[in-house]
Every structure is written in structure tokens, then in C-alpha cells.
C-alpha atoms as a PDB file:
ATOM      1  CA  MET A   1     139.945 162.740  90.592  1.00  0.00           C
ATOM      2  CA  ALA A   2     142.066 159.586  90.743  1.00  0.00           C
ATOM      3  CA  THR A   3     140.527 156.431  89.404  1.00  0.00           C
ATOM      4  CA  ALA A   4     140.863 152.842  90.553  1.00  0.00           C
ATOM      5  CA  ILE A   5     140.584 151.558  86.994  1.00  0.00           C
ATOM      6  CA  THR A   6     143.818 150.293  85.501  1.00  0.00           C
ATOM      7  CA  HIS A   7     144.440 149.726  81.847  1.00  0.00           C
ATOM      8  CA  THR A   8     146.565 146.878  80.502  1.00  0.00           C
ATOM      9  CA  ASP A   9     147.440 146.186  76.884  1.00  0.00           C
ATOM     10  CA  ASP A  10     144.280 144.094  76.805  1.00  0.00           C
ATOM     11  CA  GLY A  11     141.975 146.891  78.058  1.00  0.00           C
ATOM     12  CA  PRO A  12     140.637 148.457  81.252  1.00  0.00           C
ATOM     13  CA  THR A  13     140.486 146.232  84.314  1.00  0.00           C
ATOM     14  CA  CYS A  14     138.161 145.955  87.301  1.00  0.00           C
ATOM     15  CA  PRO A  15     139.699 146.976  90.645  1.00  0.00           C
ATOM     16  CA  ILE A  16     138.065 143.986  92.369  1.00  0.00           C
ATOM     17  CA  CYS A  17     138.928 141.034  90.096  1.00  0.00           C
ATOM     18  CA  MET A  18     141.804 142.747  88.244  1.00  0.00           C
ATOM     19  CA  GLY A  19     140.445 141.249  84.997  1.00  0.00           C
ATOM     20  CA  LEU A  20     138.904 142.912  81.968  1.00  0.00           C
ATOM     21  CA  PHE A  21     135.519 144.393  82.748  1.00  0.00           C
ATOM     22  CA  ASN A  22     132.472 142.220  82.229  1.00  0.00           C
ATOM     23  CA  VAL A  23     129.296 144.348  82.156  1.00  0.00           C
ATOM     24  CA  PRO A  24     130.901 147.414  83.807  1.00  0.00           C
ATOM     25  CA  ARG A  25     128.562 149.118  86.292  1.00  0.00           C
ATOM     26  CA  GLN A  26     129.286 152.652  87.493  1.00  0.00           C
ATOM     27  CA  LEU A  27     128.508 153.837  91.017  1.00  0.00           C
ATOM     28  CA  PRO A  28     127.458 157.461  91.697  1.00  0.00           C
ATOM     29  CA  CYS A  29     131.023 158.236  92.828  1.00  0.00           C
ATOM     30  CA  ALA A  30     132.194 157.332  89.260  1.00  0.00           C
ATOM     31  CA  HIS A  31     134.060 154.148  90.283  1.00  0.00           C
ATOM     32  CA  THR A  32     133.318 151.191  87.988  1.00  0.00           C
ATOM     33  CA  PHE A  33     133.254 147.449  88.636  1.00  0.00           C
ATOM     34  CA  CYS A  34     132.197 144.270  86.822  1.00  0.00           C
ATOM     35  CA  GLN A  35     128.539 143.632  87.567  1.00  0.00           C
ATOM     36  CA  SER A  36     129.337 140.185  89.023  1.00  0.00           C
ATOM     37  CA  CYS A  37     132.179 141.591  91.196  1.00  0.00           C
ATOM     38  CA  LEU A  38     129.939 144.382  92.445  1.00  0.00           C
ATOM     39  CA  GLN A  39     127.140 141.906  93.169  1.00  0.00           C
ATOM     40  CA  SER A  40     129.529 139.655  95.140  1.00  0.00           C
ATOM     41  CA  TYR A  41     130.678 142.688  97.126  1.00  0.00           C
ATOM     42  CA  ILE A  42     127.066 143.736  97.786  1.00  0.00           C
ATOM     43  CA  THR A  43     126.119 140.206  98.873  1.00  0.00           C
ATOM     44  CA  SER A  44     129.056 139.994 101.297  1.00  0.00           C
ATOM     45  CA  LYS A  45     128.335 143.410 102.784  1.00  0.00           C
ATOM     46  CA  ALA A  46     124.587 142.724 103.005  1.00  0.00           C
ATOM     47  CA  ILE A  47     125.375 139.740 105.226  1.00  0.00           C
ATOM     48  CA  GLU A  48     127.549 141.872 107.480  1.00  0.00           C
ATOM     49  CA  HIS A  49     125.026 144.739 107.654  1.00  0.00           C
ATOM     50  CA  GLU A  50     121.680 143.000 107.282  1.00  0.00           C
ATOM     51  CA  LYS A  51     119.543 146.010 108.240  1.00  0.00           C
ATOM     52  CA  LYS A  52     121.534 148.483 106.155  1.00  0.00           C
ATOM     53  CA  MET A  53     119.763 149.309 102.896  1.00  0.00           C
ATOM     54  CA  CYS A  54     122.723 150.996 101.217  1.00  0.00           C
ATOM     55  CA  ILE A  55     126.261 150.099 100.205  1.00  0.00           C
ATOM     56  CA  GLU A  56     129.559 151.902 100.218  1.00  0.00           C
ATOM     57  CA  CYS A  57     131.890 152.061  97.216  1.00  0.00           C
ATOM     58  CA  PRO A  58     134.642 149.450  97.651  1.00  0.00           C
ATOM     59  CA  VAL A  59     137.228 152.051  96.634  1.00  0.00           C
ATOM     60  CA  CYS A  60     136.292 155.401  98.179  1.00  0.00           C
ATOM     61  CA  ARG A  61     133.703 154.228 100.767  1.00  0.00           C
ATOM     62  CA  LYS A  62     131.153 156.882  99.732  1.00  0.00           C
ATOM     63  CA  THR A  63     127.530 155.800 100.003  1.00  0.00           C
ATOM     64  CA  ALA A  64     126.738 154.324  96.613  1.00  0.00           C
ATOM     65  CA  GLY A  65     123.061 153.553  96.687  1.00  0.00           C
ATOM     66  CA  HIS A  66     119.918 153.489  98.791  1.00  0.00           C
ATOM     67  CA  PHE A  67     117.521 150.614  98.285  1.00  0.00           C
ATOM     68  CA  THR A  68     114.032 149.811  99.442  1.00  0.00           C
ATOM     69  CA  GLN A  69     113.313 146.727 101.476  1.00  0.00           C
ATOM     70  CA  ASN A  70     111.253 145.202  98.662  1.00  0.00           C
ATOM     71  CA  LYS A  71     114.262 145.080  96.292  1.00  0.00           C
ATOM     72  CA  PRO A  72     116.379 141.956  97.019  1.00  0.00           C
ATOM     73  CA  THR A  73     120.129 142.461  97.341  1.00  0.00           C
ATOM     74  CA  SER A  74     120.630 140.062  94.422  1.00  0.00           C
ATOM     75  CA  GLU A  75     119.293 142.850  92.118  1.00  0.00           C
ATOM     76  CA  TRP A  76     121.257 145.789  93.486  1.00  0.00           C
ATOM     77  CA  ALA A  77     124.297 145.605  91.149  1.00  0.00           C
ATOM     78  CA  SER A  78     122.115 145.521  88.042  1.00  0.00           C
ATOM     79  CA  SER A  79     120.362 148.721  89.162  1.00  0.00           C
ATOM     80  CA  PHE A  80     123.532 150.793  88.617  1.00  0.00           C
ATOM     81  CA  PRO A  81     124.055 152.118  85.071  1.00  0.00           C
ATOM     82  CA  VAL A  82     126.400 150.429  82.588  1.00  0.00           C
ATOM     83  CA  ASP A  83     129.563 152.481  82.184  1.00  0.00           C
ATOM     84  CA  THR A  84     129.375 152.924  78.425  1.00  0.00           C
ATOM     85  CA  VAL A  85     132.780 154.622  78.241  1.00  0.00           C
ATOM     86  CA  ILE A  86     134.469 151.587  79.781  1.00  0.00           C
ATOM     87  CA  GLN A  87     132.291 149.244  77.739  1.00  0.00           C
ATOM     88  CA  CYS A  88     133.536 150.895  74.539  1.00  0.00           C
ATOM     89  CA  MET A  89     137.150 150.554  75.681  1.00  0.00           C
ATOM     90  CA  ILE A  90     136.971 146.768  75.959  1.00  0.00           C
ATOM     91  CA  PRO A  91     138.688 145.370  72.873  1.00  0.00           C
ATOM     92  CA  LYS A  92     136.353 143.487  70.577  1.00  0.00           C
ATOM     93  CA  SER A  93     138.918 140.677  70.295  1.00  0.00           C
ATOM     94  CA  LYS A  94     138.538 140.004  74.033  1.00  0.00           C
ATOM     95  CA  VAL A  95     134.872 139.069  73.815  1.00  0.00           C
ATOM     96  CA  ASP A  96     134.800 135.279  74.375  1.00  0.00           C
ATOM     97  CA  ARG A  97     131.087 134.693  73.790  1.00  0.00           C
ATOM     98  CA  VAL A  98     128.737 133.869  70.993  1.00  0.00           C
ATOM     99  CA  CYS A  99     126.272 136.405  69.684  1.00  0.00           C
ATOM    100  CA  ASP A 100     123.130 136.275  71.836  1.00  0.00           C
ATOM    101  CA  ALA A 101     120.912 137.455  68.937  1.00  0.00           C
ATOM    102  CA  CYS A 102     122.275 134.803  66.540  1.00  0.00           C
ATOM    103  CA  THR A 103     121.968 132.104  69.211  1.00  0.00           C
ATOM    104  CA  ALA A 104     118.285 132.993  69.588  1.00  0.00           C
ATOM    105  CA  GLU A 105     117.923 132.465  65.837  1.00  0.00           C
ATOM    106  CA  GLY A 106     119.641 129.039  66.003  1.00  0.00           C
ATOM    107  CA  SER A 107     123.167 129.860  64.824  1.00  0.00           C
ATOM    108  CA  SER A 108     126.496 130.176  66.619  1.00  0.00           C
ATOM    109  CA  VAL A 109     128.461 133.278  65.635  1.00  0.00           C
ATOM    110  CA  THR A 110     131.319 134.701  67.710  1.00  0.00           C
ATOM    111  CA  ALA A 111     130.393 138.000  69.374  1.00  0.00           C
ATOM    112  CA  THR A 112     132.622 140.971  68.685  1.00  0.00           C
ATOM    113  CA  GLY A 113     131.127 143.392  71.206  1.00  0.00           C
ATOM    114  CA  PHE A 114     128.309 144.138  73.594  1.00  0.00           C
ATOM    115  CA  CYS A 115     125.151 146.136  73.033  1.00  0.00           C
ATOM    116  CA  VAL A 116     125.262 149.015  75.524  1.00  0.00           C
ATOM    117  CA  VAL A 117     121.447 149.207  75.569  1.00  0.00           C
ATOM    118  CA  CYS A 118     120.472 145.579  76.238  1.00  0.00           C
ATOM    119  CA  GLU A 119     123.908 144.275  77.360  1.00  0.00           C
ATOM    120  CA  GLU A 120     123.781 141.311  74.991  1.00  0.00           C
ATOM    121  CA  ALA A 121     126.886 139.956  73.304  1.00  0.00           C
ATOM    122  CA  ILE A 122     126.505 140.758  69.600  1.00  0.00           C
ATOM    123  CA  CYS A 123     128.395 140.066  66.338  1.00  0.00           C
ATOM    124  CA  ASP A 124     129.317 142.566  63.633  1.00  0.00           C
ATOM    125  CA  VAL A 125     126.256 141.663  61.535  1.00  0.00           C
ATOM    126  CA  MET A 126     123.890 142.403  64.449  1.00  0.00           C
ATOM    127  CA  ILE A 127     125.759 145.652  65.225  1.00  0.00           C
ATOM    128  CA  VAL A 128     125.012 146.815  61.653  1.00  0.00           C
ATOM    129  CA  LEU A 129     121.426 145.573  61.727  1.00  0.00           C
ATOM    130  CA  ARG A 130     120.691 147.280  65.033  1.00  0.00           C
ATOM    131  CA  SER A 131     122.311 150.540  63.999  1.00  0.00           C
ATOM    132  CA  THR A 132     120.116 150.646  60.854  1.00  0.00           C
ATOM    133  CA  GLY A 133     116.986 149.764  62.756  1.00  0.00           C
ATOM    134  CA  ASN A 134     116.394 146.366  61.062  1.00  0.00           C
END
């Protein structure tokens, strides 16, 4: 199966924004997009098809999700799973954030990656602490 994901020297890129993935979310058809790009797409399509409670993949146009009326469209993108394979391919040097866990503790340490469980930006120290269960 062909993929819409391209890979530059910096890492894999989103087919919508053409930038490095930021919280990559995978649709059931296996196409992946940044969460914010996918949410923007969902929001624009929800306006066009107000009564429609599903979306189509921006790449292959397969139905990508069915939602209930009580779930606002602003939450649809976050309901798709994080693409952990793509997440692991994003170079640590390209993370331009501070560690969320350290920030909560009052310090400012540059993040080197993202936790695939909670999607927080984390530094090397927190990666080690979380992997050991501390």
C-alpha cells in the first residue's frame, strides 16, 4: 500500500502541512496526520457537512470514523490513536519544547522526545524515570 507520508532528512512529514509530525494521529486506513492538521480538516469538513457524523481520510477518501452526536467535532482528532511508529521516527533534536513534567515541578528543561502514552514532551531524565517506574 502506498503511503502519503514523506520523509526528509529531518524526519517524516505530514501530508497536510508538509512539516514534521506533531502528535501524529493514525486513521483506520493507516494514513497519519498531525493532530492539529487533522482537527483543522475535520472542522472544515464538519462545516460543509453539518449533519454528517463521520469524516473521510484526506488522502484516500475512505470513511475514517463514525461519531455520536454528543461528541463535539473539536474532540474528533484526539479520538484517533497516536501513530507510535511515526512518533518514534521524529528526531529527538527536532523537539522544540520544554519538558512538561519538569515544568510542572518548576524547572525548565528542554524536551528530547514525547511520551507515547500521555503525549507529553519529556526530557531524557523523565524518560529514564518513567521507564523505571519512579
